[in-house]
Protein backbone atom coordinates (compact mmCIF):
# COMPACT_ATOMS: atom_id res chain seq x y z
CA UNK A 1 0.00 0.00 0.00
CA UNK A 2 1.34 3.42 -0.96
CA UNK A 3 2.43 5.55 1.97
CA UNK A 4 0.85 9.00 2.20
CA UNK A 5 1.94 11.21 5.08
CA UNK A 6 0.12 14.34 6.22
CA UNK A 7 2.00 17.17 7.93
CA UNK A 8 5.52 16.44 6.66
CA UNK A 9 6.28 20.16 6.46
CA UNK A 10 6.42 20.19 10.27
CA UNK A 11 9.69 18.24 10.02
CA UNK A 12 11.39 21.11 8.17
CA UNK A 13 11.44 23.22 11.33
CA UNK A 14 13.33 20.65 13.40
CA UNK A 15 17.07 19.98 13.48
CA UNK A 16 18.87 16.71 12.90
CA UNK A 17 22.28 16.65 14.59
CA UNK A 18 22.59 20.42 14.07
CA UNK A 19 21.46 20.22 10.45
CA UNK A 20 18.35 21.85 9.04
CA UNK A 21 16.31 20.21 6.34
CA UNK A 22 16.34 22.08 3.05
CA UNK A 23 13.45 20.51 1.19
CA UNK A 24 11.04 17.60 0.96
CA UNK A 25 10.06 16.14 -2.40
CA UNK A 26 8.68 12.97 -3.92
CA UNK A 27 11.04 11.10 -6.23
CA UNK A 28 9.60 8.65 -8.75
CA UNK A 29 12.72 6.87 -9.96
CA UNK A 30 10.95 4.65 -12.45
CA UNK A 31 7.49 5.89 -13.46
CA UNK A 32 4.86 3.16 -13.36
CA UNK A 33 6.70 1.12 -10.71
CA UNK A 34 6.52 1.04 -6.93
CA UNK A 35 9.85 2.84 -6.53
CA UNK A 36 8.62 6.27 -5.38
CA UNK A 37 10.12 7.80 -2.25
CA UNK A 38 9.86 10.83 -0.05
CA UNK A 39 13.24 12.59 -0.20
CA UNK A 40 14.40 14.83 2.64
CA UNK A 41 17.32 16.98 1.48
CA UNK A 42 19.89 18.47 3.84
CA UNK A 43 22.10 21.10 2.15
CA UNK A 44 25.88 21.07 2.64
CA UNK A 45 27.21 22.72 5.79
CA UNK A 46 30.79 24.05 5.58
CA UNK A 47 32.31 21.79 2.97
CA UNK A 48 31.32 19.13 0.50
CA UNK A 49 33.07 16.26 2.23
CA UNK A 50 31.82 13.54 4.56
CA UNK A 51 29.18 14.46 7.08
CA UNK A 52 29.03 18.07 5.86
CA UNK A 53 28.13 17.28 2.26
CA UNK A 54 24.62 17.45 0.83
CA UNK A 55 22.65 14.52 2.19
CA UNK A 56 19.38 12.95 1.10
CA UNK A 57 17.30 10.74 3.36
CA UNK A 58 14.83 8.49 1.53
CA UNK A 59 11.59 7.05 2.85
CA UNK A 60 10.16 4.53 0.40
CA UNK A 61 6.47 5.05 -0.34
CA UNK A 62 5.87 1.34 -0.90
CA UNK A 63 6.71 -1.43 1.55
CA UNK A 64 9.66 -3.80 1.13
CA UNK A 65 8.93 -7.54 0.84
CA UNK A 66 8.90 -7.70 4.66
CA UNK A 67 5.91 -5.31 4.71
CA UNK A 68 7.88 -2.44 6.24
CA UNK A 69 8.97 0.91 4.81
CA UNK A 70 12.68 1.66 4.33
CA UNK A 71 14.24 4.85 5.72
CA UNK A 72 17.89 5.44 4.79
CA UNK A 73 20.56 7.93 3.73
CA UNK A 74 21.16 7.63 -0.01
CA UNK A 75 24.56 6.06 -0.64
CA UNK A 76 24.71 4.63 2.90
CA UNK A 77 21.77 2.21 2.81
CA UNK A 78 23.75 -0.62 4.37
CA UNK A 79 24.69 1.36 7.48
CA UNK A 80 21.69 3.69 7.91
CA UNK A 81 18.58 1.70 6.95
CA UNK A 82 15.62 1.29 9.28
CA UNK A 83 12.57 -0.80 8.40
CA UNK A 84 9.57 1.03 9.81
CA UNK A 85 6.03 -0.03 10.52
CA UNK A 86 3.34 2.24 9.12
CA UNK A 87 2.34 3.43 12.62
CA UNK A 88 5.95 4.54 13.31
CA UNK A 89 5.71 6.85 10.32
CA UNK A 90 2.20 8.15 10.92
CA UNK A 91 3.19 9.42 14.38
CA UNK A 92 5.25 12.49 13.45
CA UNK A 93 7.22 12.52 16.72
CA UNK A 94 8.17 8.85 16.44
CA UNK A 95 9.12 9.35 12.79
CA UNK A 96 11.21 12.39 13.75
CA UNK A 97 13.12 10.21 16.23
CA UNK A 98 13.85 7.67 13.47
CA UNK A 99 15.08 10.50 11.23
CA UNK A 100 17.44 11.61 14.02
CA UNK A 101 18.71 8.03 14.42
CA UNK A 102 19.24 7.68 10.67
CA UNK A 103 21.23 10.91 10.55
CA UNK A 104 23.23 9.82 13.60
CA UNK A 105 24.19 6.59 11.84
CA UNK A 106 25.38 8.61 8.83
CA UNK A 107 27.35 11.02 11.03
CA UNK A 108 28.96 8.13 12.92
CA UNK A 109 29.90 6.45 9.64
CA UNK A 110 31.53 9.62 8.24
CA UNK A 111 33.43 10.28 11.47
CA UNK A 112 34.91 6.78 11.58
CA UNK A 113 36.36 6.60 8.08
C-alpha atoms as a PDB file:
ATOM      1  CA  UNK A   1       0.000   0.000   0.000  1.00  0.00           C
ATOM      2  CA  UNK A   2       1.341   3.423  -0.964  1.00  0.00           C
ATOM      3  CA  UNK A   3       2.432   5.546   1.969  1.00  0.00           C
ATOM      4  CA  UNK A   4       0.848   9.001   2.199  1.00  0.00           C
ATOM      5  CA  UNK A   5       1.936  11.213   5.084  1.00  0.00           C
ATOM      6  CA  UNK A   6       0.121  14.338   6.223  1.00  0.00           C
ATOM      7  CA  UNK A   7       2.005  17.169   7.927  1.00  0.00           C
ATOM      8  CA  UNK A   8       5.524  16.441   6.659  1.00  0.00           C
ATOM      9  CA  UNK A   9       6.283  20.158   6.461  1.00  0.00           C
ATOM     10  CA  UNK A  10       6.419  20.191  10.274  1.00  0.00           C
ATOM     11  CA  UNK A  11       9.689  18.244  10.024  1.00  0.00           C
ATOM     12  CA  UNK A  12      11.393  21.111   8.174  1.00  0.00           C
ATOM     13  CA  UNK A  13      11.438  23.224  11.333  1.00  0.00           C
ATOM     14  CA  UNK A  14      13.333  20.646  13.398  1.00  0.00           C
ATOM     15  CA  UNK A  15      17.067  19.983  13.477  1.00  0.00           C
ATOM     16  CA  UNK A  16      18.872  16.707  12.899  1.00  0.00           C
ATOM     17  CA  UNK A  17      22.277  16.655  14.592  1.00  0.00           C
ATOM     18  CA  UNK A  18      22.587  20.422  14.073  1.00  0.00           C
ATOM     19  CA  UNK A  19      21.463  20.217  10.451  1.00  0.00           C
ATOM     20  CA  UNK A  20      18.354  21.855   9.043  1.00  0.00           C
ATOM     21  CA  UNK A  21      16.311  20.214   6.345  1.00  0.00           C
ATOM     22  CA  UNK A  22      16.337  22.084   3.048  1.00  0.00           C
ATOM     23  CA  UNK A  23      13.447  20.505   1.190  1.00  0.00           C
ATOM     24  CA  UNK A  24      11.043  17.599   0.963  1.00  0.00           C
ATOM     25  CA  UNK A  25      10.063  16.141  -2.399  1.00  0.00           C
ATOM     26  CA  UNK A  26       8.683  12.969  -3.916  1.00  0.00           C
ATOM     27  CA  UNK A  27      11.044  11.097  -6.231  1.00  0.00           C
ATOM     28  CA  UNK A  28       9.597   8.651  -8.745  1.00  0.00           C
ATOM     29  CA  UNK A  29      12.717   6.873  -9.959  1.00  0.00           C
ATOM     30  CA  UNK A  30      10.948   4.653 -12.450  1.00  0.00           C
ATOM     31  CA  UNK A  31       7.488   5.890 -13.458  1.00  0.00           C
ATOM     32  CA  UNK A  32       4.858   3.164 -13.359  1.00  0.00           C
ATOM     33  CA  UNK A  33       6.703   1.122 -10.715  1.00  0.00           C
ATOM     34  CA  UNK A  34       6.523   1.038  -6.932  1.00  0.00           C
ATOM     35  CA  UNK A  35       9.850   2.845  -6.528  1.00  0.00           C
ATOM     36  CA  UNK A  36       8.616   6.266  -5.383  1.00  0.00           C
ATOM     37  CA  UNK A  37      10.119   7.796  -2.250  1.00  0.00           C
ATOM     38  CA  UNK A  38       9.862  10.831  -0.046  1.00  0.00           C
ATOM     39  CA  UNK A  39      13.237  12.590  -0.200  1.00  0.00           C
ATOM     40  CA  UNK A  40      14.397  14.833   2.639  1.00  0.00           C
ATOM     41  CA  UNK A  41      17.320  16.979   1.485  1.00  0.00           C
ATOM     42  CA  UNK A  42      19.894  18.467   3.842  1.00  0.00           C
ATOM     43  CA  UNK A  43      22.097  21.102   2.155  1.00  0.00           C
ATOM     44  CA  UNK A  44      25.883  21.068   2.642  1.00  0.00           C
ATOM     45  CA  UNK A  45      27.213  22.719   5.791  1.00  0.00           C
ATOM     46  CA  UNK A  46      30.790  24.047   5.576  1.00  0.00           C
ATOM     47  CA  UNK A  47      32.312  21.790   2.972  1.00  0.00           C
ATOM     48  CA  UNK A  48      31.325  19.135   0.499  1.00  0.00           C
ATOM     49  CA  UNK A  49      33.074  16.255   2.235  1.00  0.00           C
ATOM     50  CA  UNK A  50      31.824  13.541   4.560  1.00  0.00           C
ATOM     51  CA  UNK A  51      29.178  14.464   7.084  1.00  0.00           C
ATOM     52  CA  UNK A  52      29.026  18.074   5.860  1.00  0.00           C
ATOM     53  CA  UNK A  53      28.129  17.275   2.264  1.00  0.00           C
ATOM     54  CA  UNK A  54      24.619  17.453   0.833  1.00  0.00           C
ATOM     55  CA  UNK A  55      22.654  14.515   2.187  1.00  0.00           C
ATOM     56  CA  UNK A  56      19.380  12.946   1.104  1.00  0.00           C
ATOM     57  CA  UNK A  57      17.296  10.740   3.363  1.00  0.00           C
ATOM     58  CA  UNK A  58      14.834   8.490   1.529  1.00  0.00           C
ATOM     59  CA  UNK A  59      11.590   7.054   2.849  1.00  0.00           C
ATOM     60  CA  UNK A  60      10.157   4.532   0.405  1.00  0.00           C
ATOM     61  CA  UNK A  61       6.468   5.046  -0.337  1.00  0.00           C
ATOM     62  CA  UNK A  62       5.865   1.336  -0.903  1.00  0.00           C
ATOM     63  CA  UNK A  63       6.709  -1.433   1.553  1.00  0.00           C
ATOM     64  CA  UNK A  64       9.657  -3.796   1.129  1.00  0.00           C
ATOM     65  CA  UNK A  65       8.931  -7.543   0.843  1.00  0.00           C
ATOM     66  CA  UNK A  66       8.899  -7.702   4.665  1.00  0.00           C
ATOM     67  CA  UNK A  67       5.905  -5.312   4.714  1.00  0.00           C
ATOM     68  CA  UNK A  68       7.884  -2.437   6.245  1.00  0.00           C
ATOM     69  CA  UNK A  69       8.974   0.907   4.808  1.00  0.00           C
ATOM     70  CA  UNK A  70      12.683   1.658   4.332  1.00  0.00           C
ATOM     71  CA  UNK A  71      14.237   4.848   5.720  1.00  0.00           C
ATOM     72  CA  UNK A  72      17.895   5.440   4.791  1.00  0.00           C
ATOM     73  CA  UNK A  73      20.559   7.926   3.729  1.00  0.00           C
ATOM     74  CA  UNK A  74      21.159   7.627  -0.011  1.00  0.00           C
ATOM     75  CA  UNK A  75      24.557   6.056  -0.635  1.00  0.00           C
ATOM     76  CA  UNK A  76      24.709   4.633   2.897  1.00  0.00           C
ATOM     77  CA  UNK A  77      21.772   2.214   2.808  1.00  0.00           C
ATOM     78  CA  UNK A  78      23.747  -0.624   4.373  1.00  0.00           C
ATOM     79  CA  UNK A  79      24.687   1.358   7.484  1.00  0.00           C
ATOM     80  CA  UNK A  80      21.691   3.685   7.910  1.00  0.00           C
ATOM     81  CA  UNK A  81      18.582   1.701   6.955  1.00  0.00           C
ATOM     82  CA  UNK A  82      15.624   1.286   9.278  1.00  0.00           C
ATOM     83  CA  UNK A  83      12.570  -0.797   8.396  1.00  0.00           C
ATOM     84  CA  UNK A  84       9.573   1.026   9.815  1.00  0.00           C
ATOM     85  CA  UNK A  85       6.027  -0.035  10.517  1.00  0.00           C
ATOM     86  CA  UNK A  86       3.338   2.239   9.116  1.00  0.00           C
ATOM     87  CA  UNK A  87       2.337   3.427  12.618  1.00  0.00           C
ATOM     88  CA  UNK A  88       5.948   4.541  13.309  1.00  0.00           C
ATOM     89  CA  UNK A  89       5.712   6.854  10.316  1.00  0.00           C
ATOM     90  CA  UNK A  90       2.203   8.153  10.917  1.00  0.00           C
ATOM     91  CA  UNK A  91       3.187   9.424  14.385  1.00  0.00           C
ATOM     92  CA  UNK A  92       5.246  12.490  13.449  1.00  0.00           C
ATOM     93  CA  UNK A  93       7.225  12.524  16.724  1.00  0.00           C
ATOM     94  CA  UNK A  94       8.168   8.846  16.440  1.00  0.00           C
ATOM     95  CA  UNK A  95       9.115   9.354  12.791  1.00  0.00           C
ATOM     96  CA  UNK A  96      11.213  12.390  13.746  1.00  0.00           C
ATOM     97  CA  UNK A  97      13.120  10.207  16.228  1.00  0.00           C
ATOM     98  CA  UNK A  98      13.850   7.673  13.474  1.00  0.00           C
ATOM     99  CA  UNK A  99      15.077  10.501  11.234  1.00  0.00           C
ATOM    100  CA  UNK A 100      17.438  11.608  14.018  1.00  0.00           C
ATOM    101  CA  UNK A 101      18.708   8.028  14.417  1.00  0.00           C
ATOM    102  CA  UNK A 102      19.238   7.683  10.670  1.00  0.00           C
ATOM    103  CA  UNK A 103      21.226  10.915  10.545  1.00  0.00           C
ATOM    104  CA  UNK A 104      23.234   9.817  13.601  1.00  0.00           C
ATOM    105  CA  UNK A 105      24.190   6.592  11.838  1.00  0.00           C
ATOM    106  CA  UNK A 106      25.385   8.605   8.833  1.00  0.00           C
ATOM    107  CA  UNK A 107      27.347  11.019  11.034  1.00  0.00           C
ATOM    108  CA  UNK A 108      28.958   8.127  12.916  1.00  0.00           C
ATOM    109  CA  UNK A 109      29.903   6.455   9.641  1.00  0.00           C
ATOM    110  CA  UNK A 110      31.533   9.616   8.243  1.00  0.00           C
ATOM    111  CA  UNK A 111      33.433  10.285  11.467  1.00  0.00           C
ATOM    112  CA  UNK A 112      34.906   6.782  11.579  1.00  0.00           C
ATOM    113  CA  UNK A 113      36.355   6.602   8.081  1.00  0.00           C
END
